[in-house]
N, C-alpha and C. Protein backbone atom coordinates (compact mmCIF):
# COMPACT_ATOMS: atom_id res chain seq x y z
N UNK A 1 -10.86 -22.64 -20.36
CA UNK A 1 -10.62 -22.55 -18.95
C UNK A 1 -9.14 -22.43 -18.67
N UNK A 2 -8.33 -23.14 -19.38
CA UNK A 2 -6.89 -22.96 -19.21
C UNK A 2 -6.28 -23.98 -18.28
N UNK A 3 -4.98 -23.96 -18.25
CA UNK A 3 -4.23 -24.88 -17.41
C UNK A 3 -4.30 -24.41 -15.96
N UNK A 4 -4.39 -25.36 -15.05
CA UNK A 4 -4.48 -25.04 -13.63
C UNK A 4 -3.18 -24.42 -13.13
N UNK A 5 -2.06 -24.83 -13.69
CA UNK A 5 -0.77 -24.35 -13.24
C UNK A 5 -0.39 -22.99 -13.83
N UNK A 6 -1.19 -22.52 -14.76
CA UNK A 6 -0.85 -21.24 -15.39
C UNK A 6 -1.16 -20.10 -14.42
N UNK A 7 -0.18 -19.27 -14.18
CA UNK A 7 -0.36 -18.13 -13.29
C UNK A 7 -0.80 -16.94 -14.12
N UNK A 8 -1.90 -16.33 -13.71
CA UNK A 8 -2.43 -15.20 -14.45
C UNK A 8 -2.22 -13.92 -13.67
N UNK A 9 -2.21 -12.82 -14.39
CA UNK A 9 -2.05 -11.53 -13.75
C UNK A 9 -3.24 -11.25 -12.83
N UNK A 10 -2.95 -10.64 -11.69
CA UNK A 10 -3.99 -10.29 -10.74
C UNK A 10 -4.39 -8.83 -10.90
N UNK A 11 -4.02 -8.22 -12.00
CA UNK A 11 -4.30 -6.81 -12.20
C UNK A 11 -4.44 -6.53 -13.68
N UNK A 12 -4.96 -5.36 -13.96
CA UNK A 12 -5.05 -4.89 -15.34
C UNK A 12 -4.38 -3.53 -15.39
N UNK A 13 -3.44 -3.38 -16.29
CA UNK A 13 -2.70 -2.14 -16.43
C UNK A 13 -3.54 -1.06 -17.09
N UNK A 14 -2.94 0.09 -17.33
CA UNK A 14 -3.70 1.17 -17.96
C UNK A 14 -4.06 0.84 -19.40
N UNK A 15 -5.16 1.42 -19.86
CA UNK A 15 -5.62 1.16 -21.23
C UNK A 15 -4.67 1.78 -22.25
N UNK A 16 -4.14 2.95 -21.94
CA UNK A 16 -3.19 3.60 -22.83
C UNK A 16 -1.95 3.95 -22.02
N UNK A 17 -0.76 3.58 -22.50
CA UNK A 17 0.43 3.75 -21.67
C UNK A 17 0.96 5.17 -21.54
N UNK A 18 0.58 6.10 -22.42
CA UNK A 18 1.22 7.40 -22.43
C UNK A 18 0.24 8.55 -22.20
N UNK A 19 -0.45 8.53 -21.09
CA UNK A 19 -1.32 9.64 -20.71
C UNK A 19 -0.60 10.40 -19.60
N UNK A 20 -0.25 11.64 -19.89
CA UNK A 20 0.61 12.42 -19.00
C UNK A 20 0.01 12.60 -17.61
N UNK A 21 -1.26 12.92 -17.51
CA UNK A 21 -1.88 13.17 -16.21
C UNK A 21 -1.88 11.90 -15.35
N UNK A 22 -2.14 10.74 -15.97
CA UNK A 22 -2.13 9.48 -15.22
C UNK A 22 -0.71 9.15 -14.76
N UNK A 23 0.28 9.37 -15.60
CA UNK A 23 1.67 9.08 -15.25
C UNK A 23 2.11 9.95 -14.08
N UNK A 24 1.77 11.23 -14.11
CA UNK A 24 2.17 12.12 -13.03
C UNK A 24 1.46 11.79 -11.73
N UNK A 25 0.17 11.45 -11.80
CA UNK A 25 -0.54 11.10 -10.56
C UNK A 25 -0.01 9.79 -9.99
N UNK A 26 0.30 8.82 -10.85
CA UNK A 26 0.88 7.57 -10.36
C UNK A 26 2.26 7.79 -9.76
N UNK A 27 3.04 8.67 -10.35
CA UNK A 27 4.36 8.97 -9.82
C UNK A 27 4.25 9.58 -8.42
N UNK A 28 3.29 10.47 -8.23
CA UNK A 28 3.09 11.10 -6.93
C UNK A 28 2.61 10.08 -5.89
N UNK A 29 1.70 9.20 -6.27
CA UNK A 29 1.22 8.15 -5.35
C UNK A 29 2.36 7.21 -5.00
N UNK A 30 3.16 6.85 -5.99
CA UNK A 30 4.30 5.95 -5.76
C UNK A 30 5.29 6.57 -4.78
N UNK A 31 5.54 7.84 -4.90
CA UNK A 31 6.47 8.53 -4.01
C UNK A 31 5.87 8.66 -2.60
N UNK A 32 4.60 8.99 -2.53
CA UNK A 32 3.96 9.21 -1.22
C UNK A 32 3.86 7.93 -0.41
N UNK A 33 3.54 6.82 -1.05
CA UNK A 33 3.34 5.56 -0.34
C UNK A 33 4.55 4.64 -0.37
N UNK A 34 5.65 5.06 -0.97
CA UNK A 34 6.87 4.26 -0.98
C UNK A 34 6.73 2.94 -1.71
N UNK A 35 6.05 2.95 -2.83
CA UNK A 35 5.80 1.73 -3.58
C UNK A 35 7.02 1.37 -4.43
N UNK A 36 7.15 0.09 -4.72
CA UNK A 36 8.28 -0.39 -5.51
C UNK A 36 8.14 0.01 -6.97
N UNK A 37 6.95 -0.19 -7.52
CA UNK A 37 6.71 0.14 -8.91
C UNK A 37 5.22 0.42 -9.11
N UNK A 38 4.86 0.79 -10.32
CA UNK A 38 3.47 1.15 -10.59
C UNK A 38 2.55 -0.07 -10.65
N UNK A 39 3.14 -1.22 -10.75
CA UNK A 39 2.34 -2.44 -10.76
C UNK A 39 1.55 -2.58 -9.46
N UNK A 40 2.15 -2.12 -8.35
CA UNK A 40 1.45 -2.17 -7.07
C UNK A 40 0.23 -1.26 -7.06
N UNK A 41 0.31 -0.13 -7.74
CA UNK A 41 -0.84 0.76 -7.87
C UNK A 41 -1.92 0.08 -8.70
N UNK A 42 -1.52 -0.53 -9.80
CA UNK A 42 -2.48 -1.18 -10.69
C UNK A 42 -3.18 -2.34 -10.00
N UNK A 43 -2.48 -3.07 -9.13
CA UNK A 43 -3.12 -4.16 -8.40
C UNK A 43 -4.21 -3.64 -7.47
N UNK A 44 -3.90 -2.55 -6.75
CA UNK A 44 -4.89 -1.98 -5.84
C UNK A 44 -6.07 -1.40 -6.61
N UNK A 45 -5.79 -0.78 -7.76
CA UNK A 45 -6.88 -0.26 -8.60
C UNK A 45 -7.76 -1.38 -9.12
N UNK A 46 -7.17 -2.53 -9.42
CA UNK A 46 -7.95 -3.67 -9.90
C UNK A 46 -8.87 -4.21 -8.81
N UNK A 47 -8.39 -4.20 -7.56
CA UNK A 47 -9.24 -4.64 -6.45
C UNK A 47 -10.45 -3.72 -6.33
N UNK A 48 -10.20 -2.42 -6.40
CA UNK A 48 -11.30 -1.46 -6.31
C UNK A 48 -12.23 -1.55 -7.52
N UNK A 49 -11.65 -1.73 -8.70
CA UNK A 49 -12.46 -1.82 -9.91
C UNK A 49 -13.38 -3.04 -9.86
N UNK A 50 -12.85 -4.17 -9.39
CA UNK A 50 -13.68 -5.38 -9.29
C UNK A 50 -14.79 -5.20 -8.26
N UNK A 51 -14.47 -4.57 -7.13
CA UNK A 51 -15.49 -4.33 -6.11
C UNK A 51 -16.56 -3.39 -6.63
N UNK A 52 -16.15 -2.36 -7.38
CA UNK A 52 -17.13 -1.41 -7.92
C UNK A 52 -18.02 -2.06 -8.98
N UNK A 53 -17.44 -2.90 -9.82
CA UNK A 53 -18.27 -3.57 -10.83
C UNK A 53 -19.24 -4.55 -10.18
N UNK A 54 -18.80 -5.24 -9.13
CA UNK A 54 -19.72 -6.12 -8.41
C UNK A 54 -20.82 -5.32 -7.73
N UNK A 55 -20.48 -4.16 -7.17
CA UNK A 55 -21.48 -3.32 -6.51
C UNK A 55 -22.51 -2.83 -7.53
N UNK A 56 -22.07 -2.40 -8.71
CA UNK A 56 -23.00 -1.94 -9.73
C UNK A 56 -23.95 -3.06 -10.15
N UNK A 57 -23.40 -4.25 -10.30
CA UNK A 57 -24.23 -5.39 -10.71
C UNK A 57 -25.24 -5.74 -9.62
N UNK A 58 -24.80 -5.66 -8.36
CA UNK A 58 -25.68 -6.05 -7.26
C UNK A 58 -26.72 -4.98 -6.92
N UNK A 59 -26.42 -3.72 -7.21
CA UNK A 59 -27.41 -2.67 -6.97
C UNK A 59 -28.62 -2.88 -7.87
N UNK A 60 -28.38 -3.33 -9.09
CA UNK A 60 -29.47 -3.57 -10.04
C UNK A 60 -30.18 -4.89 -9.78
N UNK A 61 -29.54 -5.83 -9.08
CA UNK A 61 -30.13 -7.14 -8.85
C UNK A 61 -31.24 -7.10 -7.83
N UNK A 62 -32.27 -7.93 -8.04
CA UNK A 62 -33.42 -7.98 -7.13
C UNK A 62 -33.68 -9.39 -6.58
N UNK A 63 -32.87 -10.35 -6.94
CA UNK A 63 -33.12 -11.72 -6.52
C UNK A 63 -32.58 -11.96 -5.11
N UNK A 64 -32.91 -13.11 -4.56
CA UNK A 64 -32.42 -13.49 -3.22
C UNK A 64 -30.90 -13.67 -3.24
N UNK A 65 -30.40 -14.21 -4.35
CA UNK A 65 -28.96 -14.41 -4.47
C UNK A 65 -28.22 -13.08 -4.47
N UNK A 66 -28.78 -12.07 -5.13
CA UNK A 66 -28.11 -10.77 -5.16
C UNK A 66 -28.13 -10.12 -3.77
N UNK A 67 -29.18 -10.34 -2.99
CA UNK A 67 -29.22 -9.81 -1.62
C UNK A 67 -28.14 -10.47 -0.76
N UNK A 68 -27.97 -11.76 -0.93
CA UNK A 68 -26.93 -12.48 -0.20
C UNK A 68 -25.54 -11.98 -0.59
N UNK A 69 -25.33 -11.79 -1.90
CA UNK A 69 -24.04 -11.32 -2.37
C UNK A 69 -23.77 -9.88 -1.94
N UNK A 70 -24.81 -9.06 -1.81
CA UNK A 70 -24.64 -7.69 -1.31
C UNK A 70 -24.07 -7.70 0.10
N UNK A 71 -24.67 -8.53 0.94
CA UNK A 71 -24.20 -8.61 2.33
C UNK A 71 -22.77 -9.14 2.40
N UNK A 72 -22.45 -10.11 1.56
CA UNK A 72 -21.09 -10.66 1.55
C UNK A 72 -20.07 -9.62 1.09
N UNK A 73 -20.41 -8.85 0.06
CA UNK A 73 -19.51 -7.82 -0.44
C UNK A 73 -19.31 -6.72 0.60
N UNK A 74 -20.39 -6.30 1.25
CA UNK A 74 -20.28 -5.28 2.29
C UNK A 74 -19.46 -5.79 3.47
N UNK A 75 -19.65 -7.04 3.84
CA UNK A 75 -18.89 -7.61 4.96
C UNK A 75 -17.40 -7.69 4.61
N UNK A 76 -17.10 -8.03 3.37
CA UNK A 76 -15.70 -8.11 2.95
C UNK A 76 -15.04 -6.72 2.96
N UNK A 77 -15.75 -5.72 2.49
CA UNK A 77 -15.22 -4.36 2.48
C UNK A 77 -15.07 -3.81 3.91
N UNK A 78 -15.99 -4.18 4.80
CA UNK A 78 -15.87 -3.76 6.20
C UNK A 78 -14.68 -4.44 6.87
N UNK A 79 -14.48 -5.72 6.58
CA UNK A 79 -13.36 -6.43 7.21
C UNK A 79 -12.02 -5.91 6.70
N UNK A 80 -11.98 -5.42 5.47
CA UNK A 80 -10.76 -4.83 4.93
C UNK A 80 -10.53 -3.44 5.51
N UNK A 81 -11.52 -2.89 6.19
CA UNK A 81 -11.39 -1.57 6.78
C UNK A 81 -11.67 -0.45 5.79
N UNK A 82 -12.28 -0.76 4.65
CA UNK A 82 -12.56 0.25 3.64
C UNK A 82 -13.90 0.93 3.86
N UNK A 83 -14.83 0.26 4.55
CA UNK A 83 -16.14 0.82 4.82
C UNK A 83 -16.43 0.77 6.32
N UNK A 84 -17.28 1.68 6.77
CA UNK A 84 -17.70 1.68 8.17
C UNK A 84 -18.90 0.75 8.34
N UNK A 85 -19.36 0.63 9.58
CA UNK A 85 -20.43 -0.32 9.88
C UNK A 85 -21.75 0.03 9.21
N UNK A 86 -22.09 1.30 9.09
CA UNK A 86 -23.38 1.68 8.52
C UNK A 86 -23.33 2.00 7.04
N UNK A 87 -22.31 1.56 6.35
CA UNK A 87 -22.14 1.92 4.94
C UNK A 87 -23.11 1.15 4.05
N UNK A 88 -23.44 1.78 2.92
CA UNK A 88 -24.33 1.16 1.93
C UNK A 88 -23.49 0.66 0.75
N UNK A 89 -24.15 -0.04 -0.12
CA UNK A 89 -23.47 -0.60 -1.29
C UNK A 89 -22.97 0.50 -2.22
N UNK A 90 -23.66 1.64 -2.26
CA UNK A 90 -23.26 2.75 -3.13
C UNK A 90 -21.95 3.38 -2.66
N UNK A 91 -21.60 3.21 -1.37
CA UNK A 91 -20.37 3.79 -0.84
C UNK A 91 -19.13 3.13 -1.43
N UNK A 92 -19.27 1.92 -1.94
CA UNK A 92 -18.14 1.24 -2.58
C UNK A 92 -17.71 2.00 -3.83
N UNK A 93 -18.66 2.64 -4.50
CA UNK A 93 -18.35 3.38 -5.72
C UNK A 93 -17.57 4.65 -5.43
N UNK A 94 -17.61 5.13 -4.18
CA UNK A 94 -16.90 6.36 -3.81
C UNK A 94 -15.47 6.10 -3.35
N UNK A 95 -15.05 4.85 -3.23
CA UNK A 95 -13.70 4.55 -2.75
C UNK A 95 -12.66 4.99 -3.77
N UNK A 96 -11.56 5.50 -3.26
CA UNK A 96 -10.44 5.95 -4.10
C UNK A 96 -9.23 5.08 -3.82
N UNK A 97 -8.21 5.21 -4.65
CA UNK A 97 -7.00 4.39 -4.53
C UNK A 97 -6.30 4.65 -3.20
N UNK A 98 -6.37 5.88 -2.69
CA UNK A 98 -5.70 6.18 -1.42
C UNK A 98 -6.33 5.43 -0.26
N UNK A 99 -7.63 5.16 -0.32
CA UNK A 99 -8.28 4.46 0.78
C UNK A 99 -7.78 3.02 0.91
N UNK A 100 -7.48 2.37 -0.20
CA UNK A 100 -6.96 1.00 -0.10
C UNK A 100 -5.45 1.00 0.15
N UNK A 101 -4.74 2.02 -0.34
CA UNK A 101 -3.31 2.10 -0.06
C UNK A 101 -3.05 2.39 1.42
N UNK A 102 -3.98 3.05 2.08
CA UNK A 102 -3.85 3.29 3.52
C UNK A 102 -4.01 2.01 4.34
N UNK A 103 -4.57 0.97 3.77
CA UNK A 103 -4.78 -0.30 4.47
C UNK A 103 -3.62 -1.28 4.27
N UNK A 104 -2.63 -0.91 3.48
CA UNK A 104 -1.48 -1.80 3.27
C UNK A 104 -0.65 -1.87 4.53
N UNK A 105 0.03 -3.00 4.75
CA UNK A 105 0.86 -3.19 5.93
C UNK A 105 1.99 -2.17 5.96
N UNK A 106 2.58 -1.87 4.83
CA UNK A 106 3.69 -0.91 4.77
C UNK A 106 3.25 0.46 5.29
N UNK A 107 2.08 0.91 4.88
CA UNK A 107 1.57 2.20 5.30
C UNK A 107 1.25 2.21 6.79
N UNK A 108 0.66 1.13 7.29
CA UNK A 108 0.30 1.08 8.71
C UNK A 108 1.53 1.03 9.60
N UNK A 109 2.59 0.34 9.17
CA UNK A 109 3.83 0.31 9.95
C UNK A 109 4.41 1.71 10.06
N UNK A 110 4.38 2.46 8.98
CA UNK A 110 4.90 3.82 9.01
C UNK A 110 4.00 4.74 9.85
N UNK A 111 2.70 4.63 9.68
CA UNK A 111 1.78 5.51 10.40
C UNK A 111 1.74 5.21 11.89
N UNK A 112 2.05 3.98 12.29
CA UNK A 112 2.09 3.65 13.72
C UNK A 112 3.40 4.10 14.37
N UNK A 113 4.35 4.56 13.58
CA UNK A 113 5.61 5.04 14.11
C UNK A 113 6.64 3.96 14.33
N UNK A 114 6.46 2.80 13.72
CA UNK A 114 7.44 1.73 13.85
C UNK A 114 8.62 1.92 12.90
N UNK A 115 8.47 2.78 11.92
CA UNK A 115 9.54 3.07 10.96
C UNK A 115 9.59 4.57 10.71
N UNK A 116 10.76 5.05 10.30
CA UNK A 116 10.95 6.49 10.07
C UNK A 116 10.47 6.94 8.71
N UNK A 117 10.39 6.03 7.77
CA UNK A 117 9.95 6.38 6.42
C UNK A 117 9.21 5.19 5.82
N UNK A 118 8.56 5.43 4.69
CA UNK A 118 7.87 4.35 4.00
C UNK A 118 8.85 3.31 3.49
N UNK A 119 10.01 3.77 3.03
CA UNK A 119 11.03 2.83 2.55
C UNK A 119 11.55 1.95 3.67
N UNK A 120 11.75 2.54 4.84
CA UNK A 120 12.22 1.75 5.97
C UNK A 120 11.13 0.77 6.43
N UNK A 121 9.88 1.18 6.36
CA UNK A 121 8.79 0.28 6.71
C UNK A 121 8.78 -0.93 5.77
N UNK A 122 8.99 -0.67 4.49
CA UNK A 122 9.05 -1.77 3.51
C UNK A 122 10.22 -2.71 3.82
N UNK A 123 11.35 -2.14 4.19
CA UNK A 123 12.52 -2.95 4.51
C UNK A 123 12.28 -3.79 5.76
N UNK A 124 11.69 -3.21 6.80
CA UNK A 124 11.40 -3.96 8.02
C UNK A 124 10.48 -5.13 7.74
N UNK A 125 9.50 -4.92 6.87
CA UNK A 125 8.55 -6.00 6.57
C UNK A 125 9.22 -7.12 5.80
N UNK A 126 9.98 -6.78 4.77
CA UNK A 126 10.61 -7.83 3.95
C UNK A 126 11.71 -8.57 4.70
N UNK A 127 12.32 -7.93 5.70
CA UNK A 127 13.36 -8.59 6.48
C UNK A 127 12.82 -9.27 7.73
N UNK A 128 11.49 -9.43 7.79
CA UNK A 128 10.78 -10.18 8.84
C UNK A 128 10.95 -9.58 10.22
N UNK A 129 11.00 -8.25 10.32
CA UNK A 129 11.05 -7.59 11.62
C UNK A 129 9.66 -7.27 12.14
N UNK A 130 8.65 -7.37 11.30
CA UNK A 130 7.28 -7.00 11.67
C UNK A 130 6.43 -8.26 11.72
N UNK A 131 5.59 -8.32 12.75
CA UNK A 131 4.64 -9.42 12.83
C UNK A 131 3.23 -8.87 12.91
N UNK A 132 2.30 -9.70 12.50
CA UNK A 132 0.90 -9.32 12.48
C UNK A 132 0.12 -10.46 13.11
N UNK A 133 -0.45 -10.20 14.25
CA UNK A 133 -1.22 -11.21 14.98
C UNK A 133 -0.37 -12.44 15.30
N UNK A 134 0.90 -12.21 15.64
CA UNK A 134 1.81 -13.29 16.00
C UNK A 134 2.45 -14.00 14.83
N UNK A 135 2.13 -13.58 13.59
CA UNK A 135 2.70 -14.22 12.41
C UNK A 135 3.58 -13.23 11.66
N UNK A 136 4.68 -13.71 11.15
CA UNK A 136 5.58 -12.85 10.38
C UNK A 136 5.04 -12.72 8.96
N UNK A 137 4.86 -11.48 8.54
CA UNK A 137 4.36 -11.19 7.20
C UNK A 137 5.49 -10.51 6.43
N UNK A 138 5.79 -11.01 5.24
CA UNK A 138 6.89 -10.45 4.45
C UNK A 138 6.40 -9.71 3.22
N UNK A 139 5.11 -9.50 3.10
CA UNK A 139 4.56 -8.80 1.93
C UNK A 139 4.12 -7.40 2.34
N UNK A 140 4.81 -6.36 1.85
CA UNK A 140 4.41 -5.00 2.20
C UNK A 140 3.02 -4.63 1.68
N UNK A 141 2.55 -5.30 0.64
CA UNK A 141 1.25 -5.00 0.05
C UNK A 141 0.10 -5.74 0.72
N UNK A 142 0.36 -6.45 1.79
CA UNK A 142 -0.68 -7.19 2.50
C UNK A 142 -1.74 -6.21 3.00
N UNK A 143 -3.00 -6.48 2.69
CA UNK A 143 -4.11 -5.63 3.13
C UNK A 143 -4.49 -6.05 4.55
N UNK A 144 -4.29 -5.16 5.49
CA UNK A 144 -4.53 -5.45 6.90
C UNK A 144 -6.01 -5.23 7.20
N UNK A 145 -6.64 -6.24 7.79
CA UNK A 145 -8.05 -6.10 8.16
C UNK A 145 -8.17 -5.21 9.38
N UNK A 146 -9.37 -4.76 9.64
CA UNK A 146 -9.58 -3.86 10.77
C UNK A 146 -9.33 -4.56 12.10
N UNK A 147 -9.54 -5.89 12.18
CA UNK A 147 -9.28 -6.64 13.41
C UNK A 147 -7.78 -6.82 13.64
N UNK A 148 -7.03 -6.97 12.55
CA UNK A 148 -5.59 -7.20 12.67
C UNK A 148 -4.79 -5.92 12.89
N UNK A 149 -5.41 -4.78 12.69
CA UNK A 149 -4.67 -3.52 12.71
C UNK A 149 -4.01 -3.26 14.06
N UNK A 150 -4.64 -3.66 15.14
CA UNK A 150 -4.08 -3.41 16.47
C UNK A 150 -2.93 -4.36 16.81
N UNK A 151 -2.74 -5.41 16.04
CA UNK A 151 -1.72 -6.41 16.36
C UNK A 151 -0.41 -6.20 15.60
N UNK A 152 -0.28 -5.11 14.87
CA UNK A 152 0.96 -4.83 14.14
C UNK A 152 2.03 -4.43 15.15
N UNK A 153 3.14 -5.19 15.15
CA UNK A 153 4.22 -4.90 16.10
C UNK A 153 5.52 -5.50 15.58
N UNK A 154 6.59 -5.25 16.32
CA UNK A 154 7.87 -5.86 15.98
C UNK A 154 7.86 -7.32 16.41
N UNK A 155 8.55 -8.14 15.64
CA UNK A 155 8.67 -9.56 15.98
C UNK A 155 9.54 -9.70 17.23
N UNK A 156 9.19 -10.59 18.16
CA UNK A 156 10.02 -10.74 19.37
C UNK A 156 11.41 -11.29 19.08
N UNK A 157 11.60 -11.96 17.95
CA UNK A 157 12.90 -12.53 17.58
C UNK A 157 13.78 -11.51 16.86
N UNK A 158 13.23 -10.35 16.55
CA UNK A 158 13.96 -9.33 15.82
C UNK A 158 14.82 -8.50 16.77
N UNK A 159 15.93 -8.00 16.25
CA UNK A 159 16.76 -7.07 17.02
C UNK A 159 16.03 -5.77 17.29
N UNK A 160 15.09 -5.43 16.42
CA UNK A 160 14.35 -4.18 16.57
C UNK A 160 13.32 -4.23 17.69
N UNK A 161 13.11 -5.38 18.29
CA UNK A 161 12.16 -5.49 19.39
C UNK A 161 12.66 -4.74 20.62
N UNK A 162 13.96 -4.54 20.72
CA UNK A 162 14.53 -3.80 21.84
C UNK A 162 14.28 -2.30 21.65
N UNK A 163 13.87 -1.65 22.71
CA UNK A 163 13.63 -0.20 22.67
C UNK A 163 14.93 0.56 22.41
N UNK A 164 16.05 0.00 22.83
CA UNK A 164 17.35 0.68 22.71
C UNK A 164 18.00 0.54 21.34
N UNK A 165 17.36 -0.15 20.42
CA UNK A 165 17.95 -0.32 19.09
C UNK A 165 18.06 1.05 18.42
N UNK A 166 19.18 1.33 17.74
CA UNK A 166 19.38 2.66 17.15
C UNK A 166 18.32 3.08 16.14
N UNK A 167 17.74 2.14 15.44
CA UNK A 167 16.72 2.48 14.45
C UNK A 167 15.39 2.82 15.11
N UNK A 168 15.21 2.46 16.37
CA UNK A 168 13.96 2.75 17.05
C UNK A 168 14.02 4.03 17.85
N UNK A 169 15.19 4.54 18.11
CA UNK A 169 15.31 5.77 18.87
C UNK A 169 14.84 6.92 17.98
N UNK A 170 13.87 7.70 18.43
CA UNK A 170 13.38 8.78 17.58
C UNK A 170 14.43 9.88 17.42
N UNK A 171 14.40 10.52 16.28
CA UNK A 171 15.31 11.62 16.01
C UNK A 171 14.79 12.84 16.77
N UNK A 172 15.61 13.40 17.67
CA UNK A 172 15.16 14.52 18.49
C UNK A 172 15.52 15.86 17.90
N UNK A 173 16.72 16.01 17.39
CA UNK A 173 17.10 17.28 16.81
C UNK A 173 17.29 17.11 15.31
N UNK A 174 16.93 18.14 14.60
CA UNK A 174 17.07 18.07 13.15
C UNK A 174 18.43 18.59 12.77
N UNK A 175 19.12 17.83 11.97
CA UNK A 175 20.43 18.25 11.51
C UNK A 175 20.28 19.07 10.23
N UNK A 176 21.25 19.92 9.99
CA UNK A 176 21.21 20.74 8.79
C UNK A 176 21.50 19.87 7.59
N UNK A 177 20.82 20.12 6.48
CA UNK A 177 21.12 19.33 5.29
C UNK A 177 22.51 19.66 4.76
N UNK A 178 23.15 18.66 4.23
CA UNK A 178 24.48 18.86 3.66
C UNK A 178 24.40 19.70 2.40
N UNK A 179 25.38 20.59 2.21
CA UNK A 179 25.38 21.34 0.96
C UNK A 179 25.74 20.42 -0.20
N UNK A 180 25.24 20.77 -1.35
CA UNK A 180 25.51 19.95 -2.53
C UNK A 180 26.99 20.06 -2.89
N UNK A 181 27.62 18.95 -3.30
CA UNK A 181 29.03 19.02 -3.67
C UNK A 181 29.20 19.89 -4.91
N UNK A 182 30.29 20.65 -4.88
CA UNK A 182 30.57 21.53 -6.02
C UNK A 182 31.23 20.72 -7.12
N UNK A 183 30.92 21.10 -8.31
CA UNK A 183 31.47 20.42 -9.46
C UNK A 183 32.80 21.09 -9.83
N UNK A 184 33.89 20.40 -9.55
CA UNK A 184 35.23 20.95 -9.79
C UNK A 184 35.83 20.49 -11.11
N UNK A 185 35.05 19.84 -11.93
CA UNK A 185 35.63 19.28 -13.15
C UNK A 185 36.11 20.36 -14.10
N UNK A 186 35.43 21.49 -14.15
CA UNK A 186 35.77 22.50 -15.14
C UNK A 186 36.49 23.70 -14.52
N UNK A 187 36.74 23.70 -13.25
CA UNK A 187 37.38 24.83 -12.61
C UNK A 187 38.87 24.86 -12.95
N UNK A 188 39.35 25.97 -13.47
CA UNK A 188 40.77 26.16 -13.75
C UNK A 188 41.26 25.46 -15.00
N UNK A 189 40.40 24.92 -15.78
CA UNK A 189 40.80 24.21 -16.98
C UNK A 189 40.12 24.83 -18.19
N UNK A 190 40.63 24.50 -19.32
CA UNK A 190 39.98 24.92 -20.57
C UNK A 190 38.76 24.03 -20.81
N UNK A 191 38.02 24.41 -21.82
CA UNK A 191 36.82 23.63 -22.13
C UNK A 191 37.20 22.25 -22.64
N UNK A 192 36.47 21.28 -22.22
CA UNK A 192 36.67 19.91 -22.73
C UNK A 192 35.80 19.71 -23.95
N UNK A 193 36.31 18.91 -24.85
CA UNK A 193 35.53 18.64 -26.05
C UNK A 193 35.16 17.19 -26.12
């Protein structure tokens, strides 16, 4: 059973570390969702993997206990916002990593327009500028339930609560990108060795 104070990993990493297709897909997901590292992807995949394995076990079960657990699993997935009201247990097997990453607080802050980028959304959350249902949440990976989704807002104690704050003013005109700096190290000189 182990020591009570021992902290265990809440995720399982990839089975093989050097699979090119997995590395590239994780890199793209990490860039799209503004994640800190791939460990955040693996945690979300573990949540889905556990739900899928429970669903497979419960689909085969015929006892009263399995019926009760089916309803509990479906209710939990509905409250997380991953399933709709009329969903079946088999729909849990169709969930993808993007569906759970869309439920993260960081993603919802960006999609609601409270931040200009995923990175800025992460910064606002960790610096306690965002509140959820009146409580300050500092974890960008917090899975927002469907009931809490409407309560995502700026904290009233934050400077960002003011509409006139420079970070809240939307960008109206697009500026031209800066040209890349020229490399003058070798101009007018002989070759360096």
